[in-house]
Protein backbone atom coordinates (compact mmCIF):
# COMPACT_ATOMS: atom_id res chain seq x y z
CA UNK A 1 107.48 147.68 234.65
CA UNK A 2 111.21 148.25 235.05
CA UNK A 3 110.59 151.30 237.21
CA UNK A 4 108.30 149.31 239.51
CA UNK A 5 110.88 146.52 239.74
CA UNK A 6 113.68 148.93 240.63
CA UNK A 7 111.54 150.76 243.18
CA UNK A 8 110.42 147.54 244.88
CA UNK A 9 113.81 145.88 245.12
CA UNK A 10 115.60 149.16 245.71
CA UNK A 11 113.36 149.83 248.69
CA UNK A 12 113.94 146.30 249.98
CA UNK A 13 117.70 146.69 249.59
CA UNK A 14 117.67 150.02 251.37
CA UNK A 15 115.67 148.54 254.25
CA UNK A 16 118.04 145.57 254.51
CA UNK A 17 121.19 147.70 254.69
CA UNK A 18 119.52 150.12 257.12
CA UNK A 19 118.67 147.29 259.51
CA UNK A 20 122.08 145.68 258.99
CA UNK A 21 123.78 148.96 259.88
CA UNK A 22 121.67 149.35 263.02
CA UNK A 23 122.37 145.75 264.04
CA UNK A 24 126.11 146.19 263.52
CA UNK A 25 126.11 149.41 265.53
CA UNK A 26 124.17 147.81 268.39
CA UNK A 27 126.47 144.76 268.38
CA UNK A 28 129.61 146.90 268.60
CA UNK A 29 128.09 149.00 271.39
CA UNK A 30 127.12 145.83 273.27
CA UNK A 31 130.65 144.44 273.22
CA UNK A 32 132.11 147.82 274.17
CA UNK A 33 129.70 147.95 277.13
CA UNK A 34 131.32 144.82 278.57
CA UNK A 35 133.88 147.11 280.22
CA UNK A 36 131.06 148.06 282.65
CA UNK A 37 130.24 144.44 283.38
CA UNK A 38 130.88 144.84 287.14
CA UNK A 39 128.15 147.49 287.39
CA UNK A 40 125.45 145.25 285.95
CA UNK A 41 126.43 141.99 287.67
CA UNK A 42 122.98 141.49 289.28
CA UNK A 43 121.25 141.92 285.91
CA UNK A 44 123.65 139.42 284.32
CA UNK A 45 122.89 136.83 286.99
CA UNK A 46 119.14 137.39 286.55
CA UNK A 47 119.40 136.99 282.79
CA UNK A 48 121.55 133.88 283.18
CA UNK A 49 118.78 132.33 285.24
CA UNK A 50 116.17 133.32 282.65
CA UNK A 51 118.13 132.05 279.65
CA UNK A 52 119.82 129.12 281.35
CA UNK A 53 117.75 127.63 284.14
CA UNK A 54 114.34 128.25 282.63
CA UNK A 55 115.43 126.83 279.27
CA UNK A 56 117.00 123.74 280.85
CA UNK A 57 113.82 121.60 281.05
CA UNK A 58 112.77 122.07 277.42
CA UNK A 59 116.37 121.68 276.20
CA UNK A 60 116.71 118.46 278.20
CA UNK A 61 113.46 116.97 276.92
CA UNK A 62 114.33 117.89 273.34
CA UNK A 63 117.84 116.44 273.69
CA UNK A 64 116.59 113.14 275.11
CA UNK A 65 114.09 112.54 272.34
CA UNK A 66 116.58 113.72 269.73
CA UNK A 67 119.02 111.08 270.99
CA UNK A 68 116.34 108.40 271.03
CA UNK A 69 115.31 109.14 267.44
CA UNK A 70 118.92 109.34 266.27
CA UNK A 71 119.74 106.01 267.88
CA UNK A 72 116.76 104.29 266.28
CA UNK A 73 117.51 105.75 262.85
CA UNK A 74 121.21 104.90 262.89
CA UNK A 75 120.62 101.50 264.47
CA UNK A 76 117.95 100.36 262.03
CA UNK A 77 119.54 101.85 258.91
CA UNK A 78 123.17 100.95 259.58
CA UNK A 79 122.89 97.95 261.87
CA UNK A 80 123.01 95.36 259.09
CA UNK A 81 125.74 97.18 257.13
CA UNK A 82 128.46 97.68 259.77
CA UNK A 83 129.69 96.23 263.04
CA UNK A 84 127.35 97.11 265.89
CA UNK A 85 129.92 99.04 267.91
CA UNK A 86 130.30 101.55 265.05
CA UNK A 87 126.86 102.91 265.94
CA UNK A 88 128.26 104.40 269.14
CA UNK A 89 130.74 106.50 267.19
CA UNK A 90 128.11 107.61 264.69
CA UNK A 91 125.76 108.73 267.45
CA UNK A 92 128.56 110.55 269.27
CA UNK A 93 129.83 112.51 266.27
CA UNK A 94 126.35 113.33 264.93
CA UNK A 95 125.40 114.82 268.29
CA UNK A 96 128.66 116.63 269.04
CA UNK A 97 129.17 118.12 265.60
CA UNK A 98 125.63 118.86 264.52
CA UNK A 99 122.53 117.90 266.43
CA UNK A 100 123.59 119.07 269.89
CA UNK A 101 124.60 122.68 269.22
CA UNK A 102 122.06 123.28 266.44
CA UNK A 103 118.97 121.87 268.14
CA UNK A 104 119.88 123.53 271.44
CA UNK A 105 120.24 126.90 269.72
CA UNK A 106 116.94 126.42 267.88
CA UNK A 107 115.12 125.62 271.12
CA UNK A 108 116.64 128.62 272.91
CA UNK A 109 115.80 130.90 269.98
CA UNK A 110 112.17 129.84 270.21
CA UNK A 111 112.00 130.06 273.98
CA UNK A 112 114.44 132.66 275.34
CA UNK A 113 114.86 134.61 272.09
CA UNK A 114 111.15 135.17 271.69
CA UNK A 115 110.90 136.19 275.34
CA UNK A 116 113.69 138.74 275.00
CA UNK A 117 112.20 140.28 271.86
CA UNK A 118 108.71 140.54 273.32
CA UNK A 119 109.98 141.96 276.62
CA UNK A 120 112.11 144.64 274.99
CA UNK A 121 109.39 145.35 272.45
CA UNK A 122 106.91 145.96 275.25
CA UNK A 123 109.40 148.29 276.93
CA UNK A 124 109.69 150.26 273.68
CA UNK A 125 105.92 150.49 273.24
CA UNK A 126 105.38 151.60 276.84
CA UNK A 127 108.20 154.17 276.46
CA UNK A 128 110.36 152.62 279.18
CA UNK A 129 113.36 152.67 276.85
CA UNK A 130 112.82 156.39 276.22
CA UNK A 131 112.65 156.90 279.98
CA UNK A 132 116.06 155.25 280.36
CA UNK A 133 117.53 157.61 277.77
CA UNK A 134 115.92 160.57 279.58
CA UNK A 135 117.75 159.51 282.76
CA UNK A 136 121.03 159.33 280.78
CA UNK A 137 121.11 155.53 281.01
CA UNK A 138 122.26 153.74 277.88
CA UNK A 139 119.65 151.06 277.00
CA UNK A 140 122.38 148.96 275.36
CA UNK A 141 124.33 148.77 278.61
CA UNK A 142 121.43 147.81 280.85
CA UNK A 143 119.20 145.84 278.45
CA UNK A 144 121.44 144.21 275.85
CA UNK A 145 124.88 143.68 277.41
CA UNK A 146 123.67 141.65 280.44
CA UNK A 147 121.66 139.37 278.15
CA UNK A 148 124.64 138.98 275.83
CA UNK A 149 127.01 137.99 278.66
CA UNK A 150 124.42 135.63 280.12
CA UNK A 151 123.92 134.01 276.73
CA UNK A 152 127.67 133.59 276.20
CA UNK A 153 127.84 131.45 279.35
CA UNK A 154 124.39 129.86 279.44
CA UNK A 155 124.04 128.57 275.88
CA UNK A 156 127.33 126.62 275.69
CA UNK A 157 126.53 125.18 279.14
CA UNK A 158 123.10 124.08 277.94
CA UNK A 159 124.73 122.56 274.86
CA UNK A 160 127.03 120.46 277.06
CA UNK A 161 124.05 119.08 278.98
CA UNK A 162 122.17 118.56 275.73
CA UNK A 163 125.07 116.55 274.31
CA UNK A 164 125.29 114.37 277.42
CA UNK A 165 121.55 113.65 277.53
CA UNK A 166 121.41 112.96 273.80
CA UNK A 167 124.34 110.55 273.86
CA UNK A 168 122.87 108.63 276.79
CA UNK A 169 119.47 108.51 275.08
CA UNK A 170 121.18 107.36 271.88
CA UNK A 171 122.79 104.49 273.80
CA UNK A 172 119.44 103.44 275.28
CA UNK A 173 117.84 103.62 271.84
CA UNK A 174 120.52 101.53 270.12
CA UNK A 175 120.35 99.04 272.97
CA UNK A 176 116.73 98.30 272.12
CA UNK A 177 117.07 98.78 268.34
CA UNK A 178 120.07 96.50 267.66
CA UNK A 179 120.86 95.11 271.13
CA UNK A 180 124.13 97.03 271.37
CA UNK A 181 125.63 96.62 274.84
CA UNK A 182 127.38 99.29 276.90
CA UNK A 183 130.92 98.08 276.15
CA UNK A 184 130.27 98.06 272.41
CA UNK A 185 128.75 101.54 272.47
CA UNK A 186 131.68 102.96 274.45
CA UNK A 187 134.17 101.20 272.15
CA UNK A 188 132.58 102.87 269.14
CA UNK A 189 132.67 106.27 270.84
CA UNK A 190 136.34 105.91 271.77
CA UNK A 191 137.28 104.98 268.22
CA UNK A 192 135.37 107.91 266.72
CA UNK A 193 136.08 110.58 269.33
CA UNK A 194 138.40 113.50 268.60
CA UNK A 195 139.04 116.40 270.97
CA UNK A 196 138.53 118.72 268.01
CA UNK A 197 134.87 117.64 267.94
CA UNK A 198 134.28 119.15 271.38
CA UNK A 199 135.92 122.38 270.25
CA UNK A 200 133.64 122.56 267.20
CA UNK A 201 130.55 121.81 269.29
CA UNK A 202 131.32 124.53 271.83
CA UNK A 203 132.39 127.00 269.13
CA UNK A 204 129.10 126.54 267.32
CA UNK A 205 127.08 126.96 270.50
CA UNK A 206 128.99 130.11 271.47
CA UNK A 207 128.56 131.74 268.05
CA UNK A 208 124.91 130.70 267.81
CA UNK A 209 124.30 132.10 271.28
CA UNK A 210 125.87 135.47 270.55
CA UNK A 211 123.99 135.86 267.28
CA UNK A 212 120.56 134.83 268.53
CA UNK A 213 120.81 137.06 271.62
CA UNK A 214 121.87 140.07 269.55
CA UNK A 215 119.15 139.48 266.96
CA UNK A 216 116.48 139.07 269.65
CA UNK A 217 117.56 142.28 271.38
CA UNK A 218 117.78 144.14 268.07
CA UNK A 219 114.27 143.27 266.94
CA UNK A 220 112.89 143.98 270.40
CA UNK A 221 114.45 147.44 270.55
CA UNK A 222 113.23 148.19 267.01
CA UNK A 223 109.68 147.05 267.65
CA UNK A 224 106.79 148.83 266.01
CA UNK A 225 103.95 150.46 267.90
CA UNK A 226 101.23 148.53 269.67
CA UNK A 227 100.63 144.85 270.25
CA UNK A 228 100.96 144.14 266.53
CA UNK A 229 104.41 145.72 266.46
CA UNK A 230 105.58 143.61 269.40
CA UNK A 231 104.21 140.48 267.76
CA UNK A 232 105.98 141.22 264.49
CA UNK A 233 109.22 141.96 266.32
CA UNK A 234 109.01 138.65 268.17
CA UNK A 235 108.33 136.74 264.96
CA UNK A 236 111.18 138.52 263.17
CA UNK A 237 113.55 137.71 266.04
CA UNK A 238 112.79 133.99 265.96
CA UNK A 239 112.80 133.68 262.16
CA UNK A 240 116.02 135.65 261.67
CA UNK A 241 117.70 133.70 264.48
CA UNK A 242 116.77 130.37 262.91
CA UNK A 243 118.03 131.44 259.50
CA UNK A 244 121.27 132.75 261.02
CA UNK A 245 121.80 129.51 262.97
CA UNK A 246 121.52 127.31 259.89
CA UNK A 247 123.65 129.60 257.71
CA UNK A 248 126.35 129.85 260.37
CA UNK A 249 126.19 126.10 260.94
CA UNK A 250 127.13 125.52 257.32
CA UNK A 251 129.90 128.14 257.36
CA UNK A 252 131.47 126.84 260.58
CA UNK A 253 131.24 123.23 259.42
CA UNK A 254 132.86 124.09 256.09
CA UNK A 255 135.70 125.95 257.80
CA UNK A 256 136.44 123.68 260.77
CA UNK A 257 135.60 120.15 259.67
């Protein structure tokens, strides 16, 4: 009984630290590869379009409905307890500090993260990654670093648009929920706004972006054999990214708020 317990959890612990070591090594190599950024500029632009432009529609739709729901919830729950204009500040801070960066990262993890993992996993299965190594080309430099740089710029930019769309949708929602006019909504936002909130929002989006891109690339490059291996790698990339986003969200909030 004890032996079985130790073997099971010992094996799990060994696997965890093995993967953690590989992830750390890949992350360090990816950041060191930034010194060759000028060589892979076309790949970076291509990946920026994949991560940024192609994710923009789904991020926008999600942000709009998130703002609508948030406005309805805050308006109906708080409308009779506080002055109406306060709702504008509540919507603003909820979106900037929490909903905007987190929901945007979750959407990108499910859309772009899954795509990255499946693409790299397919390259591993079809031995394209081995072919790169045979030609003395570092897969980290050509496959991971461009995606990392693209994510560093694209994900915070998407978060900014997400925040704007959500705040506007929140205003529309509170307008219908509690008949809050534009001047009242803006007054509430001005009273609640702090420049530090923007810093926190962008910091979260940047950290989330780096982590989810690295995790997606890691699981893709460590994909198992066959279609099943690619599927498992894609699932692992999305699940681990979501867990990391929520854990980091708590840590950043506890440190910066």
